[in-house]
Amino acid sequence: MGRLGALLLLLLLLALSACEGWSTRHPTHGTHLSASDYDQSCGADSDCVLVTTGDQCTCGCPSEAINKGDQARFNQDKAAITCAPTSVACGASCIAVTAACSGGTCVTRSGP
């Protein structure tokens, strides 16, 4: 392969990388995180915290609850995901929810 061929191959690889959005995916979750992958057991409302689940590379709102003891692992998993830079500001209007314990499971409830 000549210099021109090598240059074309390099440009092709860069273009494909751009199509992938330059995101680094978590080895287990991709760019999606789900509360069901974390401890959701509880004995009281104070055991639960809100987390933003779903695709971590899009705008999101706190939508599910997990046990506060697993919050550090959730945050580590979230930090392991690198998303493509975007110039679009997130204008999501979030519905007010709170974390609560219901029947031994962390859940979300509407309202503050």
N, C-alpha and C. Protein backbone atom coordinates (compact mmCIF):
# COMPACT_ATOMS: atom_id res chain seq x y z
N MET A 1 0.85 -1.17 0.00
CA MET A 1 0.00 0.00 0.00
C MET A 1 0.90 1.23 0.00
N GLY A 2 0.62 2.12 -0.92
CA GLY A 2 1.41 3.34 -1.02
C GLY A 2 0.97 4.36 0.01
N ARG A 3 1.65 5.50 -0.05
CA ARG A 3 1.34 6.58 0.89
C ARG A 3 -0.09 7.07 0.71
N LEU A 4 -0.54 7.15 -0.53
CA LEU A 4 -1.90 7.61 -0.80
C LEU A 4 -2.91 6.62 -0.22
N GLY A 5 -2.65 5.32 -0.40
CA GLY A 5 -3.55 4.30 0.15
C GLY A 5 -3.60 4.36 1.66
N ALA A 6 -2.46 4.54 2.30
CA ALA A 6 -2.41 4.63 3.76
C ALA A 6 -3.16 5.87 4.24
N LEU A 7 -3.02 6.98 3.53
CA LEU A 7 -3.72 8.20 3.89
C LEU A 7 -5.23 8.01 3.75
N LEU A 8 -5.65 7.37 2.67
CA LEU A 8 -7.08 7.13 2.46
C LEU A 8 -7.63 6.21 3.56
N LEU A 9 -6.87 5.19 3.94
CA LEU A 9 -7.30 4.29 5.00
C LEU A 9 -7.44 5.05 6.32
N LEU A 10 -6.49 5.90 6.61
CA LEU A 10 -6.55 6.70 7.82
C LEU A 10 -7.78 7.61 7.81
N LEU A 11 -8.05 8.25 6.69
CA LEU A 11 -9.22 9.12 6.59
C LEU A 11 -10.52 8.33 6.75
N LEU A 12 -10.55 7.13 6.20
CA LEU A 12 -11.73 6.27 6.34
C LEU A 12 -11.95 5.90 7.80
N LEU A 13 -10.88 5.53 8.50
CA LEU A 13 -11.00 5.19 9.91
C LEU A 13 -11.46 6.38 10.75
N LEU A 14 -10.96 7.56 10.44
CA LEU A 14 -11.40 8.76 11.16
C LEU A 14 -12.87 9.05 10.89
N ALA A 15 -13.30 8.88 9.65
CA ALA A 15 -14.71 9.11 9.32
C ALA A 15 -15.60 8.11 10.05
N LEU A 16 -15.19 6.85 10.10
CA LEU A 16 -15.98 5.85 10.82
C LEU A 16 -16.05 6.16 12.30
N SER A 17 -14.94 6.64 12.85
CA SER A 17 -14.94 7.02 14.27
C SER A 17 -15.90 8.16 14.52
N ALA A 18 -15.98 9.10 13.60
CA ALA A 18 -16.90 10.23 13.74
C ALA A 18 -18.34 9.73 13.73
N CYS A 19 -18.62 8.74 12.92
CA CYS A 19 -19.97 8.18 12.87
C CYS A 19 -20.33 7.50 14.17
N GLU A 20 -19.36 6.97 14.85
CA GLU A 20 -19.61 6.32 16.13
C GLU A 20 -19.83 7.34 17.23
N GLY A 21 -19.61 8.62 16.95
CA GLY A 21 -19.86 9.67 17.93
C GLY A 21 -18.73 9.83 18.94
N TRP A 22 -17.63 9.16 18.74
CA TRP A 22 -16.49 9.26 19.64
C TRP A 22 -16.87 8.90 21.07
N SER A 23 -17.88 8.10 21.28
CA SER A 23 -18.25 7.75 22.64
C SER A 23 -17.49 6.51 23.09
N THR A 24 -17.14 6.50 24.35
CA THR A 24 -16.52 5.34 24.96
C THR A 24 -17.61 4.63 25.73
N ARG A 25 -17.82 3.39 25.42
CA ARG A 25 -18.91 2.65 26.01
C ARG A 25 -18.45 1.87 27.23
N HIS A 26 -19.30 1.84 28.24
CA HIS A 26 -19.04 1.02 29.43
C HIS A 26 -19.04 -0.43 28.96
N PRO A 27 -18.10 -1.26 29.42
CA PRO A 27 -17.99 -2.63 28.92
C PRO A 27 -19.24 -3.48 29.10
N THR A 28 -20.03 -3.21 30.11
CA THR A 28 -21.23 -4.01 30.36
C THR A 28 -22.49 -3.32 29.87
N HIS A 29 -22.59 -2.01 30.06
CA HIS A 29 -23.83 -1.30 29.82
C HIS A 29 -23.88 -0.52 28.52
N GLY A 30 -22.80 -0.44 27.76
CA GLY A 30 -22.79 0.46 26.61
C GLY A 30 -22.87 1.89 27.11
N THR A 31 -23.79 2.68 26.57
CA THR A 31 -23.99 4.03 27.07
C THR A 31 -25.29 4.12 27.88
N HIS A 32 -25.95 2.99 28.09
CA HIS A 32 -27.20 2.95 28.85
C HIS A 32 -26.96 2.41 30.26
N LEU A 33 -27.58 3.04 31.23
CA LEU A 33 -27.55 2.55 32.60
C LEU A 33 -29.00 2.33 33.04
N SER A 34 -29.22 1.25 33.76
CA SER A 34 -30.55 0.89 34.23
C SER A 34 -30.51 0.64 35.73
N ALA A 35 -31.52 1.10 36.43
CA ALA A 35 -31.59 0.91 37.88
C ALA A 35 -31.61 -0.57 38.25
N SER A 36 -32.14 -1.40 37.37
CA SER A 36 -32.23 -2.83 37.68
C SER A 36 -30.86 -3.50 37.78
N ASP A 37 -29.81 -2.84 37.33
CA ASP A 37 -28.46 -3.38 37.43
C ASP A 37 -27.81 -3.04 38.78
N TYR A 38 -28.55 -2.35 39.64
CA TYR A 38 -28.02 -1.91 40.93
C TYR A 38 -28.97 -2.34 42.04
N ASP A 39 -28.48 -2.28 43.26
CA ASP A 39 -29.30 -2.66 44.41
C ASP A 39 -30.46 -1.68 44.56
N GLN A 40 -31.67 -2.19 44.57
CA GLN A 40 -32.85 -1.36 44.75
C GLN A 40 -33.61 -1.71 46.03
N SER A 41 -32.98 -2.52 46.89
CA SER A 41 -33.64 -2.90 48.14
C SER A 41 -33.61 -1.73 49.13
N CYS A 42 -34.60 -1.69 50.02
CA CYS A 42 -34.66 -0.61 51.00
C CYS A 42 -35.54 -1.00 52.17
N GLY A 43 -35.37 -0.27 53.25
CA GLY A 43 -36.22 -0.43 54.42
C GLY A 43 -36.94 0.87 54.75
N ALA A 44 -36.44 1.98 54.21
CA ALA A 44 -37.03 3.30 54.44
C ALA A 44 -36.71 4.21 53.25
N ASP A 45 -37.48 5.29 53.10
CA ASP A 45 -37.24 6.24 52.00
C ASP A 45 -35.81 6.74 51.97
N SER A 46 -35.22 6.91 53.15
CA SER A 46 -33.86 7.46 53.24
C SER A 46 -32.80 6.51 52.68
N ASP A 47 -33.15 5.26 52.41
CA ASP A 47 -32.22 4.30 51.81
C ASP A 47 -32.06 4.52 50.31
N CYS A 48 -32.93 5.32 49.71
CA CYS A 48 -33.02 5.45 48.25
C CYS A 48 -32.54 6.80 47.75
N VAL A 49 -31.92 6.79 46.56
CA VAL A 49 -31.48 8.02 45.89
C VAL A 49 -31.92 7.97 44.43
N LEU A 50 -32.12 9.15 43.85
CA LEU A 50 -32.50 9.25 42.44
C LEU A 50 -31.27 9.13 41.55
N VAL A 51 -31.44 8.49 40.41
CA VAL A 51 -30.39 8.42 39.39
C VAL A 51 -31.01 8.66 38.03
N THR A 52 -30.20 9.14 37.12
CA THR A 52 -30.64 9.36 35.74
C THR A 52 -30.24 8.13 34.94
N THR A 53 -31.22 7.38 34.48
CA THR A 53 -30.97 6.15 33.76
C THR A 53 -31.20 6.36 32.26
N GLY A 54 -30.98 5.32 31.50
CA GLY A 54 -31.12 5.41 30.05
C GLY A 54 -29.80 5.75 29.41
N ASP A 55 -29.86 6.29 28.20
CA ASP A 55 -28.67 6.65 27.45
C ASP A 55 -27.99 7.84 28.12
N GLN A 56 -26.80 7.64 28.60
CA GLN A 56 -26.06 8.67 29.33
C GLN A 56 -25.48 9.73 28.40
N CYS A 57 -25.61 9.52 27.08
CA CYS A 57 -25.07 10.47 26.11
C CYS A 57 -26.17 11.37 25.54
N THR A 58 -27.32 11.40 26.19
CA THR A 58 -28.40 12.29 25.80
C THR A 58 -28.86 13.03 27.05
N CYS A 59 -29.67 14.04 26.85
CA CYS A 59 -30.23 14.76 27.99
C CYS A 59 -31.14 13.82 28.76
N GLY A 60 -31.11 13.92 30.04
CA GLY A 60 -31.95 13.06 30.85
C GLY A 60 -32.27 13.70 32.18
N CYS A 61 -33.26 13.14 32.82
CA CYS A 61 -33.70 13.61 34.12
C CYS A 61 -33.64 12.44 35.10
N PRO A 62 -33.49 12.71 36.39
CA PRO A 62 -33.58 11.62 37.35
C PRO A 62 -34.89 10.86 37.12
N SER A 63 -34.79 9.56 36.91
CA SER A 63 -35.97 8.82 36.49
C SER A 63 -36.20 7.53 37.27
N GLU A 64 -35.20 7.07 38.00
CA GLU A 64 -35.33 5.83 38.76
C GLU A 64 -34.60 5.99 40.09
N ALA A 65 -34.83 5.04 40.98
CA ALA A 65 -34.20 5.10 42.30
C ALA A 65 -33.44 3.80 42.58
N ILE A 66 -32.31 3.96 43.25
CA ILE A 66 -31.51 2.81 43.68
C ILE A 66 -31.16 3.00 45.16
N ASN A 67 -30.64 1.94 45.76
CA ASN A 67 -30.18 2.02 47.14
C ASN A 67 -28.97 2.93 47.21
N LYS A 68 -28.94 3.83 48.18
CA LYS A 68 -27.83 4.80 48.28
C LYS A 68 -26.48 4.12 48.45
N GLY A 69 -26.48 2.88 48.94
CA GLY A 69 -25.24 2.13 49.09
C GLY A 69 -24.62 1.74 47.75
N ASP A 70 -25.39 1.78 46.68
CA ASP A 70 -24.89 1.43 45.35
C ASP A 70 -24.68 2.66 44.47
N GLN A 71 -24.89 3.85 45.05
CA GLN A 71 -24.76 5.09 44.28
C GLN A 71 -23.33 5.30 43.78
N ALA A 72 -22.34 4.96 44.59
CA ALA A 72 -20.94 5.14 44.17
C ALA A 72 -20.63 4.26 42.95
N ARG A 73 -21.13 3.02 42.93
CA ARG A 73 -20.90 2.14 41.78
C ARG A 73 -21.62 2.68 40.54
N PHE A 74 -22.84 3.19 40.71
CA PHE A 74 -23.57 3.81 39.60
C PHE A 74 -22.76 4.98 39.04
N ASN A 75 -22.27 5.84 39.94
CA ASN A 75 -21.49 7.01 39.50
C ASN A 75 -20.19 6.60 38.81
N GLN A 76 -19.54 5.52 39.27
CA GLN A 76 -18.33 5.03 38.60
C GLN A 76 -18.67 4.52 37.21
N ASP A 77 -19.76 3.77 37.09
CA ASP A 77 -20.18 3.27 35.77
C ASP A 77 -20.50 4.43 34.84
N LYS A 78 -21.16 5.44 35.36
CA LYS A 78 -21.50 6.62 34.54
C LYS A 78 -20.23 7.35 34.12
N ALA A 79 -19.27 7.47 35.03
CA ALA A 79 -18.01 8.16 34.72
C ALA A 79 -17.18 7.40 33.69
N ALA A 80 -17.39 6.09 33.55
CA ALA A 80 -16.65 5.29 32.58
C ALA A 80 -17.14 5.51 31.15
N ILE A 81 -18.24 6.21 30.99
CA ILE A 81 -18.81 6.48 29.67
C ILE A 81 -18.38 7.87 29.23
N THR A 82 -17.77 7.96 28.07
CA THR A 82 -17.40 9.25 27.50
C THR A 82 -18.26 9.48 26.28
N CYS A 83 -18.97 10.57 26.26
CA CYS A 83 -19.87 10.89 25.16
C CYS A 83 -19.22 11.88 24.20
N ALA A 84 -19.69 11.85 22.97
CA ALA A 84 -19.20 12.79 21.97
C ALA A 84 -19.55 14.21 22.39
N PRO A 85 -18.65 15.16 22.14
CA PRO A 85 -18.97 16.54 22.47
C PRO A 85 -20.17 17.01 21.64
N THR A 86 -20.98 17.84 22.23
CA THR A 86 -22.14 18.38 21.52
C THR A 86 -22.26 19.86 21.80
N SER A 87 -22.73 20.59 20.82
CA SER A 87 -22.92 22.02 21.02
C SER A 87 -24.38 22.33 21.35
N VAL A 88 -25.20 21.28 21.39
CA VAL A 88 -26.61 21.47 21.69
C VAL A 88 -26.81 21.50 23.20
N ALA A 89 -27.41 22.55 23.69
CA ALA A 89 -27.68 22.66 25.12
C ALA A 89 -28.85 21.76 25.49
N CYS A 90 -28.76 21.16 26.64
CA CYS A 90 -29.85 20.32 27.12
C CYS A 90 -30.94 21.21 27.68
N GLY A 91 -32.09 21.16 27.08
CA GLY A 91 -33.20 21.98 27.53
C GLY A 91 -34.32 21.16 28.13
N ALA A 92 -33.97 20.00 28.65
CA ALA A 92 -34.99 19.11 29.20
C ALA A 92 -35.65 19.73 30.42
N SER A 93 -36.96 19.67 30.43
CA SER A 93 -37.72 20.08 31.61
C SER A 93 -38.06 18.82 32.38
N CYS A 94 -37.50 18.71 33.55
CA CYS A 94 -37.67 17.49 34.32
C CYS A 94 -38.91 17.57 35.20
N ILE A 95 -39.61 16.47 35.30
CA ILE A 95 -40.75 16.35 36.20
C ILE A 95 -40.18 16.08 37.59
N ALA A 96 -40.69 16.78 38.57
CA ALA A 96 -40.20 16.61 39.94
C ALA A 96 -40.59 15.23 40.46
N VAL A 97 -39.59 14.44 40.83
CA VAL A 97 -39.81 13.14 41.43
C VAL A 97 -38.94 13.02 42.67
N THR A 98 -39.32 12.12 43.55
CA THR A 98 -38.53 11.84 44.74
C THR A 98 -38.29 10.35 44.82
N ALA A 99 -37.21 9.98 45.49
CA ALA A 99 -36.92 8.57 45.73
C ALA A 99 -37.69 8.14 46.96
N ALA A 100 -38.25 6.94 46.90
CA ALA A 100 -39.03 6.43 48.02
C ALA A 100 -38.85 4.92 48.12
N CYS A 101 -39.20 4.37 49.26
CA CYS A 101 -39.16 2.93 49.47
C CYS A 101 -40.59 2.42 49.49
N SER A 102 -40.88 1.45 48.65
CA SER A 102 -42.22 0.88 48.59
C SER A 102 -42.10 -0.63 48.54
N GLY A 103 -42.59 -1.30 49.55
CA GLY A 103 -42.55 -2.77 49.58
C GLY A 103 -41.14 -3.32 49.54
N GLY A 104 -40.19 -2.59 50.10
CA GLY A 104 -38.81 -3.07 50.14
C GLY A 104 -38.00 -2.79 48.90
N THR A 105 -38.56 -1.98 47.96
CA THR A 105 -37.88 -1.64 46.71
C THR A 105 -37.85 -0.13 46.52
N CYS A 106 -36.70 0.40 46.11
CA CYS A 106 -36.60 1.82 45.81
C CYS A 106 -37.40 2.13 44.54
N VAL A 107 -38.23 3.16 44.62
CA VAL A 107 -39.07 3.58 43.50
C VAL A 107 -39.04 5.11 43.42
N THR A 108 -39.64 5.66 42.37
CA THR A 108 -39.81 7.10 42.29
C THR A 108 -41.28 7.43 42.49
N ARG A 109 -41.50 8.59 43.07
CA ARG A 109 -42.85 9.10 43.27
C ARG A 109 -42.90 10.51 42.70
N SER A 110 -44.01 10.86 42.11
CA SER A 110 -44.20 12.21 41.56
C SER A 110 -44.23 13.24 42.69
N GLY A 111 -43.71 14.40 42.38
CA GLY A 111 -43.76 15.51 43.33
C GLY A 111 -42.53 15.61 44.20
N PRO A 112 -42.38 16.78 44.81
CA PRO A 112 -41.21 17.01 45.67
C PRO A 112 -41.26 16.27 46.98
